[in-house]
Amino acid sequence: MDEFSPARLLLMRSLFVVFALLVLFFHLLPIDTQPVSLFSPELLPPLATIDPAEARLRDLLDQGSNRILIGPDLLIAFAFAWSLRRPEYVPSLLLALVFLLADLLLQRPPGLWAMLALLACENLKGRSRSLRDATFGAEWIAVAVMLAGILIINRIVLSLVLVPAPQLKLSLLELGVTILIYPVVVLITRTVMGVRRAAPGELDTLGGRG
């Protein structure tokens, strides 16, 4: 199938949306599966917090629990990988809608992280040709810088508007895990999902050469 045929574009864009929904579904699953009493006071505090999942993680960290497991932000990692390899598979409007949905479902301030993630993806799209000719190490560094940059800007904006930011320790752990897992994300993107870089001289959707 032609990489840029309408059917192929629709298929890959739908695949990205389905994958994003799966990631969000598993992210929303309960973190602690241990049974709790129906009238346990632990059921009350999360209702007054911005992010119940984060509240649970903060409590576990404060207690020095070794059961905690910080996962990577797979959604933005795959969005970066796809943006660098096949920008036409993840158009701006699609990314904006997916990131905004993530903000709403994960109870983040709506629009802020979505906007920062979208801007980062668009920046990587513009650099996709130069990074294609570089080593994977250069791509990995570029992605790490983008992730760190949007994390810092997000925290600065939240502090300026007096909105409580996620715990710094949790944010840094998630950032580190996301950066470390990025090579695995790229491997899955290429071998499982079939999303590869355009070959030199290959025409893109606008008729330009890659």
N, C-alpha and C. Protein backbone atom coordinates (compact mmCIF):
# COMPACT_ATOMS: atom_id res chain seq x y z
N MET A 1 0.84 -1.19 0.00
CA MET A 1 0.00 0.00 0.00
C MET A 1 0.88 1.25 0.00
N ASP A 2 0.53 2.24 -0.84
CA ASP A 2 1.26 3.50 -0.88
C ASP A 2 1.25 4.16 0.48
N GLU A 3 2.44 4.62 0.92
CA GLU A 3 2.55 5.22 2.25
C GLU A 3 1.68 6.45 2.40
N PHE A 4 1.37 7.13 1.30
CA PHE A 4 0.64 8.39 1.38
C PHE A 4 -0.74 8.30 0.75
N SER A 5 -1.23 7.09 0.49
CA SER A 5 -2.58 6.94 -0.04
C SER A 5 -3.59 7.31 1.04
N PRO A 6 -4.76 7.80 0.67
CA PRO A 6 -5.77 8.16 1.68
C PRO A 6 -6.10 7.01 2.62
N ALA A 7 -6.16 5.79 2.09
CA ALA A 7 -6.49 4.65 2.95
C ALA A 7 -5.39 4.41 3.98
N ARG A 8 -4.13 4.50 3.54
CA ARG A 8 -3.01 4.29 4.46
C ARG A 8 -2.97 5.38 5.53
N LEU A 9 -3.18 6.63 5.13
CA LEU A 9 -3.17 7.73 6.10
C LEU A 9 -4.28 7.55 7.12
N LEU A 10 -5.48 7.19 6.65
CA LEU A 10 -6.60 6.99 7.56
C LEU A 10 -6.33 5.84 8.52
N LEU A 11 -5.75 4.76 8.00
CA LEU A 11 -5.44 3.60 8.83
C LEU A 11 -4.45 3.95 9.93
N MET A 12 -3.36 4.63 9.57
CA MET A 12 -2.32 4.93 10.55
C MET A 12 -2.78 5.97 11.56
N ARG A 13 -3.56 6.93 11.10
CA ARG A 13 -4.08 7.92 12.05
C ARG A 13 -5.06 7.27 13.02
N SER A 14 -5.86 6.36 12.51
CA SER A 14 -6.79 5.64 13.39
C SER A 14 -6.01 4.77 14.38
N LEU A 15 -4.93 4.15 13.91
CA LEU A 15 -4.10 3.32 14.78
C LEU A 15 -3.52 4.15 15.92
N PHE A 16 -3.07 5.36 15.62
CA PHE A 16 -2.52 6.22 16.66
C PHE A 16 -3.58 6.59 17.69
N VAL A 17 -4.79 6.90 17.23
CA VAL A 17 -5.86 7.25 18.15
C VAL A 17 -6.21 6.06 19.04
N VAL A 18 -6.32 4.87 18.46
CA VAL A 18 -6.64 3.68 19.24
C VAL A 18 -5.55 3.41 20.27
N PHE A 19 -4.30 3.55 19.85
CA PHE A 19 -3.19 3.33 20.79
C PHE A 19 -3.23 4.36 21.92
N ALA A 20 -3.52 5.61 21.59
CA ALA A 20 -3.60 6.66 22.62
C ALA A 20 -4.70 6.35 23.62
N LEU A 21 -5.84 5.87 23.14
CA LEU A 21 -6.94 5.53 24.04
C LEU A 21 -6.57 4.36 24.94
N LEU A 22 -5.84 3.39 24.40
CA LEU A 22 -5.39 2.27 25.22
C LEU A 22 -4.43 2.73 26.32
N VAL A 23 -3.51 3.61 25.95
CA VAL A 23 -2.57 4.13 26.93
C VAL A 23 -3.31 4.86 28.05
N LEU A 24 -4.28 5.69 27.69
CA LEU A 24 -5.05 6.43 28.69
C LEU A 24 -5.88 5.48 29.55
N PHE A 25 -6.42 4.44 28.93
CA PHE A 25 -7.23 3.48 29.69
C PHE A 25 -6.39 2.81 30.78
N PHE A 26 -5.20 2.33 30.42
CA PHE A 26 -4.36 1.67 31.41
C PHE A 26 -3.81 2.66 32.42
N HIS A 27 -3.63 3.91 32.00
CA HIS A 27 -3.14 4.92 32.94
C HIS A 27 -4.18 5.23 34.00
N LEU A 28 -5.45 5.08 33.67
CA LEU A 28 -6.53 5.39 34.60
C LEU A 28 -6.90 4.22 35.52
N LEU A 29 -6.30 3.06 35.27
CA LEU A 29 -6.58 1.92 36.14
C LEU A 29 -6.08 2.20 37.55
N PRO A 30 -6.73 1.62 38.57
CA PRO A 30 -6.28 1.84 39.95
C PRO A 30 -4.84 1.41 40.13
N ILE A 31 -4.09 2.21 40.89
CA ILE A 31 -2.68 1.91 41.13
C ILE A 31 -2.50 0.84 42.19
N ASP A 32 -3.28 0.97 43.24
CA ASP A 32 -3.17 0.03 44.37
C ASP A 32 -4.37 -0.89 44.36
N THR A 33 -4.15 -2.19 44.15
CA THR A 33 -5.24 -3.15 44.04
C THR A 33 -5.52 -3.86 45.35
N GLN A 34 -4.87 -3.43 46.44
CA GLN A 34 -5.12 -4.06 47.71
C GLN A 34 -6.53 -3.71 48.19
N PRO A 35 -7.24 -4.67 48.83
CA PRO A 35 -8.61 -4.39 49.30
C PRO A 35 -8.61 -3.34 50.38
N VAL A 36 -9.65 -2.48 50.37
CA VAL A 36 -9.81 -1.46 51.39
C VAL A 36 -11.20 -1.57 51.98
N SER A 37 -11.33 -1.10 53.20
CA SER A 37 -12.62 -1.11 53.86
C SER A 37 -13.56 -0.10 53.21
N LEU A 38 -14.84 -0.41 53.19
CA LEU A 38 -15.82 0.46 52.55
C LEU A 38 -15.83 1.84 53.18
N PHE A 39 -15.61 1.92 54.50
CA PHE A 39 -15.66 3.19 55.21
C PHE A 39 -14.26 3.66 55.59
N SER A 40 -13.26 3.17 54.87
CA SER A 40 -11.89 3.58 55.17
C SER A 40 -11.72 5.06 54.87
N PRO A 41 -11.04 5.81 55.75
CA PRO A 41 -10.82 7.24 55.49
C PRO A 41 -9.98 7.48 54.26
N GLU A 42 -9.27 6.44 53.74
CA GLU A 42 -8.45 6.62 52.55
C GLU A 42 -9.30 6.91 51.33
N LEU A 43 -10.61 6.60 51.40
CA LEU A 43 -11.46 6.86 50.26
C LEU A 43 -11.84 8.32 50.14
N LEU A 44 -11.67 9.10 51.21
CA LEU A 44 -12.15 10.48 51.20
C LEU A 44 -11.16 11.50 50.63
N PRO A 45 -9.87 11.50 51.02
CA PRO A 45 -8.98 12.56 50.56
C PRO A 45 -8.87 12.72 49.05
N PRO A 46 -8.78 11.63 48.22
CA PRO A 46 -8.63 11.84 46.79
C PRO A 46 -9.72 12.68 46.17
N LEU A 47 -10.93 12.71 46.77
CA LEU A 47 -12.01 13.49 46.19
C LEU A 47 -11.71 14.97 46.22
N ALA A 48 -10.83 15.39 47.11
CA ALA A 48 -10.51 16.80 47.23
C ALA A 48 -9.21 17.17 46.55
N THR A 49 -8.60 16.24 45.85
CA THR A 49 -7.34 16.51 45.19
C THR A 49 -7.54 16.68 43.70
N ILE A 50 -6.54 17.27 43.06
CA ILE A 50 -6.62 17.48 41.62
C ILE A 50 -6.40 16.16 40.88
N ASP A 51 -5.48 15.37 41.35
CA ASP A 51 -5.12 14.13 40.67
C ASP A 51 -5.08 12.99 41.69
N PRO A 52 -6.12 12.17 41.79
CA PRO A 52 -6.14 11.08 42.78
C PRO A 52 -4.97 10.13 42.63
N ALA A 53 -4.59 9.82 41.38
CA ALA A 53 -3.47 8.91 41.17
C ALA A 53 -2.18 9.51 41.73
N GLU A 54 -1.99 10.80 41.50
CA GLU A 54 -0.79 11.46 42.02
C GLU A 54 -0.81 11.49 43.55
N ALA A 55 -2.00 11.69 44.13
CA ALA A 55 -2.10 11.71 45.59
C ALA A 55 -1.67 10.38 46.17
N ARG A 56 -2.09 9.29 45.54
CA ARG A 56 -1.68 7.96 46.01
C ARG A 56 -0.18 7.77 45.89
N LEU A 57 0.40 8.22 44.75
CA LEU A 57 1.83 8.09 44.57
C LEU A 57 2.60 8.92 45.60
N ARG A 58 2.11 10.12 45.90
CA ARG A 58 2.77 10.96 46.87
C ARG A 58 2.76 10.31 48.26
N ASP A 59 1.63 9.73 48.61
CA ASP A 59 1.54 9.07 49.91
C ASP A 59 2.52 7.91 50.01
N LEU A 60 2.63 7.16 48.93
CA LEU A 60 3.53 6.01 48.95
C LEU A 60 4.98 6.46 49.07
N LEU A 61 5.31 7.56 48.37
CA LEU A 61 6.67 8.06 48.46
C LEU A 61 6.98 8.56 49.87
N ASP A 62 6.03 9.26 50.47
CA ASP A 62 6.23 9.80 51.81
C ASP A 62 6.41 8.68 52.83
N GLN A 63 5.77 7.54 52.59
CA GLN A 63 5.86 6.43 53.52
C GLN A 63 7.07 5.54 53.25
N GLY A 64 7.83 5.87 52.19
CA GLY A 64 9.00 5.07 51.86
C GLY A 64 8.64 3.70 51.33
N SER A 65 7.48 3.60 50.71
CA SER A 65 7.04 2.30 50.21
C SER A 65 7.89 1.86 49.03
N ASN A 66 8.21 0.56 48.97
CA ASN A 66 8.94 0.03 47.83
C ASN A 66 8.03 -0.59 46.80
N ARG A 67 6.72 -0.36 46.94
CA ARG A 67 5.79 -0.92 45.97
C ARG A 67 5.54 0.03 44.81
N ILE A 68 6.04 1.27 44.89
CA ILE A 68 5.72 2.27 43.89
C ILE A 68 6.46 1.98 42.58
N LEU A 69 5.79 2.23 41.49
CA LEU A 69 6.37 2.05 40.18
C LEU A 69 5.94 3.21 39.31
N ILE A 70 6.90 4.03 38.92
CA ILE A 70 6.61 5.18 38.07
C ILE A 70 6.72 4.74 36.62
N GLY A 71 5.67 4.95 35.85
CA GLY A 71 5.67 4.55 34.45
C GLY A 71 6.03 5.71 33.55
N PRO A 72 6.46 5.43 32.33
CA PRO A 72 6.79 6.49 31.37
C PRO A 72 5.54 7.10 30.78
N ASP A 73 5.69 8.27 30.20
CA ASP A 73 4.60 8.90 29.46
C ASP A 73 4.65 8.36 28.04
N LEU A 74 4.01 7.21 27.84
CA LEU A 74 4.07 6.54 26.55
C LEU A 74 3.40 7.36 25.44
N LEU A 75 2.37 8.10 25.79
CA LEU A 75 1.64 8.86 24.78
C LEU A 75 2.55 9.87 24.10
N ILE A 76 3.25 10.67 24.88
CA ILE A 76 4.11 11.68 24.27
C ILE A 76 5.35 11.05 23.64
N ALA A 77 5.82 9.93 24.19
CA ALA A 77 6.98 9.26 23.60
C ALA A 77 6.65 8.75 22.20
N PHE A 78 5.50 8.11 22.04
CA PHE A 78 5.10 7.63 20.72
C PHE A 78 4.76 8.79 19.79
N ALA A 79 4.17 9.85 20.33
CA ALA A 79 3.88 11.02 19.51
C ALA A 79 5.17 11.62 18.95
N PHE A 80 6.21 11.68 19.76
CA PHE A 80 7.50 12.18 19.30
C PHE A 80 8.09 11.27 18.22
N ALA A 81 8.05 9.96 18.47
CA ALA A 81 8.61 9.01 17.51
C ALA A 81 7.89 9.07 16.16
N TRP A 82 6.57 9.16 16.20
CA TRP A 82 5.80 9.24 14.95
C TRP A 82 6.03 10.58 14.27
N SER A 83 6.12 11.65 15.04
CA SER A 83 6.32 12.98 14.45
C SER A 83 7.65 13.05 13.71
N LEU A 84 8.66 12.36 14.22
CA LEU A 84 9.97 12.37 13.58
C LEU A 84 10.03 11.46 12.36
N ARG A 85 9.21 10.41 12.35
CA ARG A 85 9.29 9.44 11.27
C ARG A 85 8.25 9.65 10.17
N ARG A 86 7.04 9.87 10.55
CA ARG A 86 5.98 10.09 9.56
C ARG A 86 5.06 11.21 10.05
N PRO A 87 5.47 12.46 9.89
CA PRO A 87 4.65 13.58 10.38
C PRO A 87 3.23 13.58 9.83
N GLU A 88 3.07 13.05 8.62
CA GLU A 88 1.73 13.06 8.01
C GLU A 88 0.78 12.10 8.71
N TYR A 89 1.30 11.17 9.48
CA TYR A 89 0.44 10.24 10.22
C TYR A 89 -0.16 10.89 11.47
N VAL A 90 0.49 11.94 11.96
CA VAL A 90 0.02 12.61 13.18
C VAL A 90 -0.13 14.11 12.92
N PRO A 91 -1.15 14.52 12.18
CA PRO A 91 -1.35 15.95 11.90
C PRO A 91 -1.61 16.73 13.18
N SER A 92 -1.44 18.01 13.09
CA SER A 92 -1.53 18.87 14.27
C SER A 92 -2.87 18.77 14.97
N LEU A 93 -3.96 18.78 14.19
CA LEU A 93 -5.29 18.73 14.79
C LEU A 93 -5.50 17.43 15.55
N LEU A 94 -5.04 16.32 14.99
CA LEU A 94 -5.18 15.02 15.66
C LEU A 94 -4.41 15.01 16.97
N LEU A 95 -3.17 15.50 16.94
CA LEU A 95 -2.37 15.54 18.16
C LEU A 95 -3.01 16.44 19.21
N ALA A 96 -3.51 17.60 18.77
CA ALA A 96 -4.13 18.53 19.71
C ALA A 96 -5.32 17.89 20.41
N LEU A 97 -6.16 17.19 19.66
CA LEU A 97 -7.34 16.55 20.24
C LEU A 97 -6.96 15.43 21.21
N VAL A 98 -5.96 14.64 20.83
CA VAL A 98 -5.52 13.53 21.69
C VAL A 98 -4.91 14.06 22.99
N PHE A 99 -4.04 15.07 22.88
CA PHE A 99 -3.40 15.63 24.07
C PHE A 99 -4.42 16.32 24.97
N LEU A 100 -5.39 17.01 24.36
CA LEU A 100 -6.42 17.67 25.17
C LEU A 100 -7.28 16.65 25.90
N LEU A 101 -7.61 15.55 25.21
CA LEU A 101 -8.36 14.48 25.86
C LEU A 101 -7.57 13.91 27.03
N ALA A 102 -6.27 13.76 26.86
CA ALA A 102 -5.42 13.26 27.94
C ALA A 102 -5.46 14.22 29.13
N ASP A 103 -5.41 15.52 28.86
CA ASP A 103 -5.49 16.50 29.94
C ASP A 103 -6.79 16.35 30.72
N LEU A 104 -7.88 16.18 30.00
CA LEU A 104 -9.19 16.09 30.66
C LEU A 104 -9.32 14.81 31.47
N LEU A 105 -8.90 13.68 30.89
CA LEU A 105 -9.04 12.40 31.58
C LEU A 105 -8.09 12.28 32.77
N LEU A 106 -6.90 12.85 32.65
CA LEU A 106 -5.92 12.75 33.72
C LEU A 106 -6.02 13.91 34.70
N GLN A 107 -7.04 14.75 34.52
CA GLN A 107 -7.33 15.84 35.44
C GLN A 107 -6.17 16.81 35.58
N ARG A 108 -5.51 17.10 34.47
CA ARG A 108 -4.51 18.16 34.44
C ARG A 108 -5.20 19.46 34.04
N PRO A 109 -4.59 20.62 34.30
CA PRO A 109 -5.17 21.88 33.83
C PRO A 109 -5.39 21.81 32.31
N PRO A 110 -6.61 21.88 31.85
CA PRO A 110 -6.91 21.63 30.42
C PRO A 110 -6.18 22.58 29.47
N GLY A 111 -5.46 22.01 28.56
CA GLY A 111 -4.86 22.78 27.48
C GLY A 111 -3.39 23.11 27.64
N LEU A 112 -2.90 23.23 28.86
CA LEU A 112 -1.51 23.65 29.04
C LEU A 112 -0.53 22.58 28.56
N TRP A 113 -0.61 21.39 29.14
CA TRP A 113 0.30 20.32 28.72
C TRP A 113 0.03 19.95 27.27
N ALA A 114 -1.23 19.98 26.85
CA ALA A 114 -1.57 19.66 25.46
C ALA A 114 -0.88 20.63 24.51
N MET A 115 -0.91 21.92 24.82
CA MET A 115 -0.28 22.91 23.96
C MET A 115 1.23 22.72 23.91
N LEU A 116 1.85 22.49 25.07
CA LEU A 116 3.30 22.30 25.10
C LEU A 116 3.71 21.05 24.34
N ALA A 117 2.97 19.96 24.52
CA ALA A 117 3.28 18.72 23.81
C ALA A 117 3.12 18.90 22.31
N LEU A 118 2.07 19.62 21.90
CA LEU A 118 1.84 19.87 20.48
C LEU A 118 2.97 20.70 19.89
N LEU A 119 3.37 21.76 20.58
CA LEU A 119 4.47 22.60 20.09
C LEU A 119 5.76 21.79 19.96
N ALA A 120 6.01 20.90 20.92
CA ALA A 120 7.21 20.06 20.85
C ALA A 120 7.16 19.13 19.66
N CYS A 121 5.99 18.53 19.42
CA CYS A 121 5.85 17.64 18.26
C CYS A 121 6.04 18.40 16.95
N GLU A 122 5.48 19.60 16.86
CA GLU A 122 5.63 20.39 15.64
C GLU A 122 7.09 20.80 15.43
N ASN A 123 7.80 21.10 16.52
CA ASN A 123 9.21 21.42 16.41
C ASN A 123 10.00 20.22 15.88
N LEU A 124 9.69 19.03 16.40
CA LEU A 124 10.38 17.83 15.94
C LEU A 124 10.04 17.51 14.49
N LYS A 125 8.80 17.77 14.08
CA LYS A 125 8.44 17.57 12.68
C LYS A 125 9.31 18.43 11.77
N GLY A 126 9.52 19.69 12.17
CA GLY A 126 10.35 20.58 11.37
C GLY A 126 11.80 20.16 11.31
N ARG A 127 12.25 19.39 12.29
CA ARG A 127 13.64 18.94 12.34
C ARG A 127 13.79 17.49 11.89
N SER A 128 12.72 16.89 11.40
CA SER A 128 12.75 15.46 11.09
C SER A 128 13.76 15.13 10.00
N ARG A 129 13.88 16.00 9.00
CA ARG A 129 14.81 15.70 7.89
C ARG A 129 16.26 15.76 8.37
N SER A 130 16.60 16.78 9.16
CA SER A 130 17.98 16.89 9.64
C SER A 130 18.32 15.77 10.61
N LEU A 131 17.36 15.40 11.47
CA LEU A 131 17.60 14.31 12.41
C LEU A 131 17.64 12.96 11.72
N ARG A 132 16.98 12.86 10.55
CA ARG A 132 17.00 11.59 9.82
C ARG A 132 18.41 11.25 9.37
N ASP A 133 19.17 12.28 9.02
CA ASP A 133 20.54 12.06 8.54
C ASP A 133 21.54 11.96 9.69
N ALA A 134 21.10 12.23 10.91
CA ALA A 134 21.99 12.14 12.07
C ALA A 134 21.88 10.75 12.70
N THR A 135 22.66 10.54 13.74
CA THR A 135 22.61 9.26 14.45
C THR A 135 21.40 9.22 15.37
N PHE A 136 21.08 8.02 15.84
CA PHE A 136 19.96 7.91 16.77
C PHE A 136 20.28 8.64 18.07
N GLY A 137 21.55 8.70 18.44
CA GLY A 137 21.92 9.43 19.64
C GLY A 137 21.50 10.89 19.58
N ALA A 138 21.64 11.51 18.41
CA ALA A 138 21.23 12.90 18.25
C ALA A 138 19.72 13.04 18.41
N GLU A 139 18.98 12.08 17.86
CA GLU A 139 17.52 12.10 18.02
C GLU A 139 17.14 11.92 19.49
N TRP A 140 17.80 11.01 20.16
CA TRP A 140 17.51 10.74 21.58
C TRP A 140 17.75 11.97 22.43
N ILE A 141 18.85 12.68 22.15
CA ILE A 141 19.17 13.90 22.89
C ILE A 141 18.12 14.97 22.61
N ALA A 142 17.72 15.10 21.34
CA ALA A 142 16.71 16.10 20.97
C ALA A 142 15.40 15.83 21.69
N VAL A 143 15.01 14.56 21.76
CA VAL A 143 13.77 14.20 22.45
C VAL A 143 13.89 14.47 23.94
N ALA A 144 15.04 14.14 24.52
CA ALA A 144 15.24 14.39 25.96
C ALA A 144 15.16 15.88 26.27
N VAL A 145 15.77 16.70 25.42
CA VAL A 145 15.73 18.15 25.63
C VAL A 145 14.30 18.66 25.53
N MET A 146 13.54 18.16 24.56
CA MET A 146 12.15 18.57 24.41
C MET A 146 11.32 18.19 25.64
N LEU A 147 11.50 16.97 26.11
CA LEU A 147 10.75 16.51 27.27
C LEU A 147 11.08 17.35 28.50
N ALA A 148 12.36 17.60 28.71
CA ALA A 148 12.77 18.41 29.86
C ALA A 148 12.25 19.85 29.71
N GLY A 149 12.29 20.36 28.49
CA GLY A 149 11.85 21.73 28.25
C GLY A 149 10.38 21.94 28.55
N ILE A 150 9.54 21.04 28.06
CA ILE A 150 8.10 21.23 28.30
C ILE A 150 7.75 20.97 29.77
N LEU A 151 8.53 20.10 30.44
CA LEU A 151 8.31 19.89 31.88
C LEU A 151 8.60 21.18 32.65
N ILE A 152 9.72 21.83 32.33
CA ILE A 152 10.10 23.07 33.02
C ILE A 152 9.08 24.17 32.74
N ILE A 153 8.72 24.35 31.46
CA ILE A 153 7.77 25.41 31.10
C ILE A 153 6.42 25.16 31.77
N ASN A 154 6.01 23.90 31.81
CA ASN A 154 4.73 23.56 32.44
C ASN A 154 4.73 23.96 33.92
N ARG A 155 5.81 23.67 34.62
CA ARG A 155 5.88 24.00 36.03
C ARG A 155 5.94 25.51 36.24
N ILE A 156 6.65 26.22 35.38
CA ILE A 156 6.73 27.68 35.50
C ILE A 156 5.37 28.32 35.31
N VAL A 157 4.65 27.88 34.27
CA VAL A 157 3.33 28.45 34.00
C VAL A 157 2.37 28.15 35.14
N LEU A 158 2.38 26.93 35.65
CA LEU A 158 1.51 26.57 36.76
C LEU A 158 1.81 27.42 38.00
N SER A 159 3.09 27.68 38.25
CA SER A 159 3.43 28.50 39.40
C SER A 159 2.99 29.95 39.21
N LEU A 160 3.05 30.45 37.97
CA LEU A 160 2.65 31.82 37.71
C LEU A 160 1.14 32.03 37.89
N VAL A 161 0.37 31.01 37.56
CA VAL A 161 -1.08 31.13 37.70
C VAL A 161 -1.57 30.53 39.02
N LEU A 162 -0.61 30.21 39.90
CA LEU A 162 -0.93 29.74 41.25
C LEU A 162 -1.74 28.45 41.25
N VAL A 163 -1.41 27.57 40.33
CA VAL A 163 -2.03 26.24 40.28
C VAL A 163 -1.03 25.23 40.83
N PRO A 164 -1.42 24.38 41.77
CA PRO A 164 -0.48 23.40 42.33
C PRO A 164 0.10 22.50 41.24
N ALA A 165 1.41 22.42 41.21
CA ALA A 165 2.10 21.57 40.23
C ALA A 165 2.29 20.18 40.80
N PRO A 166 2.42 19.17 39.92
CA PRO A 166 2.71 17.82 40.42
C PRO A 166 4.00 17.82 41.22
N GLN A 167 4.12 16.86 42.13
CA GLN A 167 5.32 16.78 42.96
C GLN A 167 6.56 16.65 42.07
N LEU A 168 7.57 17.45 42.36
CA LEU A 168 8.76 17.50 41.51
C LEU A 168 9.43 16.14 41.40
N LYS A 169 9.49 15.42 42.51
CA LYS A 169 10.14 14.10 42.49
C LYS A 169 9.43 13.17 41.50
N LEU A 170 8.11 13.18 41.53
CA LEU A 170 7.36 12.32 40.61
C LEU A 170 7.58 12.74 39.16
N SER A 171 7.57 14.06 38.92
CA SER A 171 7.76 14.56 37.56
C SER A 171 9.13 14.18 37.02
N LEU A 172 10.16 14.30 37.86
CA LEU A 172 11.51 13.97 37.41
C LEU A 172 11.66 12.47 37.17
N LEU A 173 11.03 11.66 38.03
CA LEU A 173 11.08 10.22 37.82
C LEU A 173 10.40 9.83 36.51
N GLU A 174 9.23 10.41 36.26
CA GLU A 174 8.53 10.11 35.02
C GLU A 174 9.35 10.58 33.81
N LEU A 175 9.96 11.75 33.92
CA LEU A 175 10.81 12.26 32.83
C LEU A 175 11.95 11.30 32.55
N GLY A 176 12.65 10.86 33.60
CA GLY A 176 13.77 9.96 33.41
C GLY A 176 13.36 8.63 32.80
N VAL A 177 12.26 8.07 33.27
CA VAL A 177 11.79 6.79 32.74
C VAL A 177 11.36 6.95 31.28
N THR A 178 10.71 8.06 30.95
CA THR A 178 10.28 8.28 29.57
C THR A 178 11.48 8.39 28.63
N ILE A 179 12.51 9.11 29.07
CA ILE A 179 13.72 9.23 28.24
C ILE A 179 14.39 7.88 28.06
N LEU A 180 14.48 7.10 29.14
CA LEU A 180 15.13 5.79 29.06
C LEU A 180 14.37 4.82 28.17
N ILE A 181 13.04 4.93 28.16
CA ILE A 181 12.23 3.97 27.41
C ILE A 181 12.11 4.37 25.94
N TYR A 182 12.56 5.56 25.57
CA TYR A 182 12.35 6.04 24.20
C TYR A 182 12.95 5.10 23.14
N PRO A 183 14.16 4.55 23.31
CA PRO A 183 14.65 3.61 22.29
C PRO A 183 13.72 2.41 22.09
N VAL A 184 13.11 1.92 23.17
CA VAL A 184 12.15 0.82 23.03
C VAL A 184 10.93 1.28 22.26
N VAL A 185 10.49 2.50 22.51
CA VAL A 185 9.35 3.07 21.78
C VAL A 185 9.66 3.13 20.29
N VAL A 186 10.86 3.58 19.95
CA VAL A 186 11.25 3.66 18.54
C VAL A 186 11.30 2.27 17.91
N LEU A 187 11.82 1.30 18.65
CA LEU A 187 11.88 -0.08 18.14
C LEU A 187 10.48 -0.62 17.85
N ILE A 188 9.54 -0.40 18.78
CA ILE A 188 8.17 -0.85 18.58
C ILE A 188 7.52 -0.10 17.41
N THR A 189 7.81 1.19 17.33
CA THR A 189 7.26 2.01 16.25
C THR A 189 7.69 1.46 14.88
N ARG A 190 8.93 1.04 14.78
CA ARG A 190 9.44 0.56 13.49
C ARG A 190 9.04 -0.87 13.20
N THR A 191 9.25 -1.77 14.15
CA THR A 191 9.09 -3.19 13.88
C THR A 191 7.66 -3.67 14.00
N VAL A 192 6.91 -3.12 14.94
CA VAL A 192 5.54 -3.59 15.19
C VAL A 192 4.52 -2.75 14.42
N MET A 193 4.66 -1.43 14.50
CA MET A 193 3.68 -0.54 13.88
C MET A 193 4.02 -0.19 12.43
N GLY A 194 5.25 -0.49 12.01
CA GLY A 194 5.62 -0.24 10.63
C GLY A 194 5.77 1.23 10.28
N VAL A 195 6.08 2.06 11.27
CA VAL A 195 6.25 3.50 11.02
C VAL A 195 7.75 3.78 10.92
N ARG A 196 8.21 3.96 9.69
CA ARG A 196 9.64 4.17 9.44
C ARG A 196 9.86 5.54 8.80
N ARG A 197 11.09 5.99 8.87
CA ARG A 197 11.44 7.26 8.26
C ARG A 197 11.28 7.18 6.75
N ALA A 198 10.94 8.31 6.15
CA ALA A 198 10.88 8.38 4.69
C ALA A 198 12.28 8.23 4.13
N ALA A 199 12.40 7.46 3.07
CA ALA A 199 13.70 7.28 2.44
C ALA A 199 14.12 8.56 1.72
N PRO A 200 15.42 8.81 1.59
CA PRO A 200 15.87 10.00 0.87
C PRO A 200 15.30 10.03 -0.56
N GLY A 201 14.74 11.16 -0.95
CA GLY A 201 14.17 11.30 -2.28
C GLY A 201 12.72 10.88 -2.38
N GLU A 202 12.17 10.31 -1.31
CA GLU A 202 10.77 9.89 -1.33
C GLU A 202 9.87 11.10 -1.23
N LEU A 203 8.82 11.15 -2.05
CA LEU A 203 7.90 12.27 -2.05
C LEU A 203 7.03 12.24 -0.81
N ASP A 204 6.80 13.42 -0.23
CA ASP A 204 5.89 13.49 0.91
C ASP A 204 4.52 13.88 0.43
N THR A 205 3.61 14.12 1.35
CA THR A 205 2.23 14.40 0.97
C THR A 205 2.06 15.72 0.25
N LEU A 206 3.04 16.62 0.37
CA LEU A 206 2.96 17.90 -0.31
C LEU A 206 3.74 17.91 -1.61
N GLY A 207 4.28 16.75 -1.97
CA GLY A 207 5.03 16.65 -3.22
C GLY A 207 6.49 17.00 -3.07
N GLY A 208 6.94 17.31 -1.86
CA GLY A 208 8.35 17.58 -1.63
C GLY A 208 9.10 16.29 -1.40
N ARG A 209 10.42 16.39 -1.54
CA ARG A 209 11.24 15.20 -1.35
C ARG A 209 11.83 15.16 0.04
N GLY A 210 11.84 13.91 0.63
CA GLY A 210 12.37 13.76 1.96
C GLY A 210 13.88 13.83 1.99
